[in-house]
Protein backbone atom coordinates (compact mmCIF):
# COMPACT_ATOMS: atom_id res chain seq x y z
CA MET A 1 2.02 -22.97 3.97
CA ASP A 2 1.37 -25.74 1.41
CA MET A 3 -0.93 -24.65 -0.77
CA ASN A 4 -2.51 -25.02 -4.23
CA SER A 5 -3.41 -22.39 -6.92
CA GLU A 6 -6.86 -22.72 -6.04
CA ALA A 7 -5.94 -21.72 -2.33
CA ALA A 8 -3.33 -19.44 -3.32
CA LYS A 9 -6.23 -17.02 -4.84
CA ASP A 10 -7.70 -16.17 -1.96
CA TRP A 11 -4.30 -14.45 -0.76
CA TYR A 12 -3.73 -10.72 -2.42
CA HIS A 13 -1.10 -8.43 -1.99
CA VAL A 14 -2.27 -4.79 -1.49
CA ILE A 15 -0.22 -1.63 -2.34
CA PHE A 16 -1.18 1.88 -1.45
CA GLY A 17 0.59 4.82 -1.04
CA THR A 18 0.40 8.29 0.98
CA TYR A 19 -0.97 11.74 -0.63
CA GLY A 20 1.58 12.89 -3.55
CA SER A 21 3.77 9.67 -3.50
CA TRP A 22 3.32 8.84 -6.84
CA LEU A 23 2.20 11.54 -9.45
CA PRO A 24 1.59 11.38 -13.19
CA GLY A 25 4.81 11.77 -14.55
CA ASP A 26 6.99 10.72 -12.02
CA PRO A 27 10.40 10.12 -12.98
CA ARG A 28 10.32 6.52 -11.87
CA GLY A 29 7.94 6.05 -14.46
CA PHE A 30 3.58 6.06 -13.40
CA ARG A 31 0.50 4.45 -14.79
CA THR A 32 -2.18 6.93 -15.60
CA ARG A 33 -6.22 5.61 -13.89
CA GLY A 34 -7.14 3.72 -17.00
CA HIS A 35 -4.13 3.65 -18.93
CA LYS A 36 -5.25 6.82 -20.65
CA LEU A 37 -1.58 7.81 -20.90
CA HIS A 38 0.90 5.30 -22.03
CA CYS A 39 4.26 5.52 -19.94
CA GLU A 40 7.13 3.32 -20.96
CA GLY A 41 9.01 2.16 -18.33
CA ASP A 42 8.46 1.52 -14.58
CA TYR A 43 10.39 1.80 -11.41
CA LYS A 44 12.97 -0.99 -12.11
CA ASN A 45 13.23 0.18 -16.00
CA ARG A 46 12.49 4.03 -15.71
CA PRO A 47 11.12 6.24 -18.79
CA ALA A 48 13.90 8.43 -20.54
CA ALA A 49 14.84 11.12 -18.22
CA GLY A 50 12.75 14.21 -18.97
CA GLN A 51 9.96 12.68 -21.17
CA PHE A 52 7.36 13.50 -18.92
CA GLU A 53 8.92 16.32 -16.74
CA SER A 54 6.37 18.84 -17.43
CA LEU A 55 3.42 16.34 -16.42
CA HIS A 56 5.16 15.80 -13.27
CA GLU A 57 5.45 19.59 -12.46
CA TYR A 58 1.87 20.06 -13.26
CA SER A 59 0.60 17.40 -11.17
CA GLN A 60 2.67 18.74 -8.47
CA SER A 61 1.13 21.65 -8.71
CA LEU A 62 -2.49 20.46 -8.63
CA MET A 63 -1.61 19.22 -5.01
CA VAL A 64 -3.13 21.04 -1.97
CA ARG A 65 -0.18 20.35 0.44
CA GLU A 66 3.12 18.77 0.33
CA ALA A 67 3.38 14.84 -0.12
CA VAL A 68 2.87 12.68 2.86
CA ARG A 69 5.82 11.08 4.51
CA LEU A 70 5.12 9.08 7.72
CA THR A 71 7.63 9.21 10.62
CA LEU A 72 8.25 6.24 12.40
CA PRO A 73 5.95 6.98 15.24
CA GLN A 74 3.30 7.53 12.37
CA ARG A 75 4.37 3.88 10.53
CA LYS A 76 4.31 1.95 13.87
CA CYS A 77 0.65 3.43 14.64
CA VAL A 78 -0.74 2.68 10.77
CA CYS A 79 1.22 -0.74 10.76
CA SER A 80 -0.71 -1.61 14.33
CA ALA A 81 -4.32 -0.23 13.55
CA LEU A 82 -4.18 -2.06 9.94
CA ALA A 83 -3.57 -5.34 11.47
CA GLU A 84 -6.45 -4.37 14.14
CA SER A 85 -8.78 -3.33 11.67
CA LEU A 86 -8.24 -6.29 9.17
CA LYS A 87 -8.71 -8.92 12.16
CA HIS A 88 -11.86 -7.04 13.14
CA TYR A 89 -13.16 -7.58 9.70
CA GLY A 90 -12.43 -11.47 9.93
CA ILE A 91 -9.22 -10.93 7.20
CA THR A 92 -5.99 -12.93 8.05
CA VAL A 93 -3.28 -10.62 7.59
CA ASN A 94 0.25 -12.76 6.68
CA GLU A 95 2.06 -9.54 6.64
CA ILE A 96 2.47 -5.49 6.46
CA ALA A 97 4.58 -3.58 6.20
CA VAL A 98 4.13 0.50 6.29
CA ALA A 99 6.91 2.43 5.11
CA LYS A 100 7.69 6.53 4.54
CA GLN A 101 5.40 6.92 1.67
CA HIS A 102 3.44 3.54 0.66
CA MET A 103 2.12 0.45 2.68
CA HIS A 104 2.28 -3.39 1.73
CA LEU A 105 -0.04 -6.28 3.00
CA LEU A 106 -0.34 -10.04 2.23
CA ALA A 107 -3.92 -10.85 3.50
CA GLN A 108 -6.47 -13.18 2.84
CA PHE A 109 -9.68 -11.59 1.48
CA GLU A 110 -12.53 -15.02 0.71
CA MET A 111 -13.92 -13.24 -2.66
CA ASN A 112 -16.23 -15.04 -4.97
CA ASP A 113 -16.18 -12.30 -7.58
CA LYS A 114 -14.02 -11.94 -10.34
CA GLN A 115 -14.51 -8.11 -9.57
CA TYR A 116 -12.59 -8.30 -6.11
CA LYS A 117 -10.24 -5.11 -6.85
CA PRO A 118 -13.18 -2.63 -5.80
CA GLN A 119 -14.63 -5.27 -2.69
CA ILE A 120 -11.34 -5.36 -1.27
CA MET A 121 -10.56 -1.48 -1.80
CA THR A 122 -13.66 -0.99 0.07
CA LEU A 123 -12.50 -2.84 3.05
CA ILE A 124 -8.83 -1.29 2.97
CA GLY A 125 -10.24 2.40 2.95
CA LYS A 126 -12.09 1.51 6.15
CA CYS A 127 -8.88 0.20 7.48
CA LYS A 128 -6.88 3.83 6.21
CA ARG A 129 -9.82 5.38 8.03
CA TRP A 130 -9.31 3.64 11.18
CA ALA A 131 -5.28 4.12 10.79
CA ILE A 132 -6.43 7.76 10.87
CA THR A 133 -8.35 7.88 14.05
CA LYS A 134 -5.64 5.82 15.73
CA LEU A 135 -2.96 8.32 14.47
CA LYS A 136 -5.14 11.32 16.10
CA GLU A 137 -5.77 9.36 19.24
CA GLN A 138 -2.10 9.01 19.85
CA HIS A 139 -1.76 12.72 18.46
CA LEU A 140 0.38 11.68 15.33
CA CYS A 141 -1.62 13.65 13.33
CA ASP A 142 -4.43 16.37 13.61
CA GLU A 143 -7.74 17.91 11.53
CA SER A 144 -5.13 20.08 10.14
CA SER A 145 -2.89 17.35 8.53
CA GLY A 146 -5.52 16.86 5.46
CA LYS A 147 -5.30 13.87 3.31
CA LEU A 148 -3.20 11.18 4.40
CA TRP A 149 -3.68 8.10 1.63
CA ALA A 150 -3.67 8.26 -2.17
CA LYS A 151 -6.74 7.78 -4.07
CA SER A 152 -6.13 4.43 -5.38
CA GLY A 153 -3.85 1.45 -4.60
CA LYS A 154 -3.12 -1.88 -6.89
CA VAL A 155 -4.14 -5.23 -5.60
CA ILE A 156 -2.66 -8.75 -7.05
CA CYS A 157 -4.10 -11.92 -6.30
CA MET A 158 -1.49 -14.82 -5.65
CA LYS A 159 -1.08 -17.45 -8.56
CA ASN A 160 0.57 -20.40 -6.41
CA GLU A 161 2.59 -20.78 -3.59
CA ARG A 162 5.46 -20.00 -5.03
CA HIS A 163 4.21 -16.62 -5.57
CA PHE A 164 3.03 -16.08 -2.03
CA LYS A 165 6.31 -16.86 -0.71
CA ASN A 166 7.61 -14.12 -3.01
CA THR A 167 5.58 -11.44 -2.11
CA SER A 168 5.56 -12.28 1.75
CA GLN A 169 9.49 -11.83 1.80
CA TYR A 170 9.25 -8.88 -0.57
CA ILE A 171 6.89 -7.33 1.81
CA MET A 172 9.45 -8.48 4.80
CA ASN A 173 12.26 -7.06 3.13
CA HIS A 174 10.97 -3.44 3.84
CA ILE A 175 12.25 -3.08 7.14
CA ARG A 176 15.58 -2.76 5.65
CA GLU A 177 14.04 0.97 4.82
CA GLY A 178 12.88 2.05 8.02
CA ALA A 179 8.91 0.10 7.28
CA ALA A 180 6.92 -0.59 10.35
CA VAL A 181 6.57 -4.35 9.90
CA TYR A 182 3.59 -6.49 11.10
CA SER A 183 4.20 -10.61 10.52
CA LEU A 184 1.91 -13.43 11.33
CA MET A 185 4.68 -15.31 13.09
CA ALA A 186 6.09 -13.05 14.39
CA GLY A 187 3.59 -9.92 15.64
CA GLU A 188 4.63 -6.63 15.34
CA SER A 189 8.26 -6.26 14.52
CA GLU A 190 10.43 -3.43 15.20
CA SER A 191 11.50 -1.66 12.14
């Protein structure tokens, strides 16, 4: 795909997790909403061991149920439902990867506003609800399952073709960890 930096700006990498997958105080590093608490480090360069242990324990105590880990049949269903739902809204999807506790997608959202994250996340919310409907239809979760998704997510605008290609490859690499994967080029893939 040939694209200049202007064309790349219509493409976004969207990341969201399942309920309880990444809590404040997580030893892998974390970000609080609005950066109210600063945490040095991230999943690649973790904060000092035990530095936020009490916050993580507190965060876990607030959970109303166990953290959600999607089974392989659930991952496949969610992947298919996300692709179907995004297409319904006229969104071109390049890749989707649904792993046990998080999802990545690379899609083209034509946004004319610099405040693109709320718009994209509103649409993603509709797609997540459609995925839950599909999970229930296939008897892969029921009404008692409770909340499946984390509250928020991350939206990253592609800067250029290189950024797009690197992100695309990163998403497709999730198949190695058992993710259900969709690709525009190949359709759905086995995990």
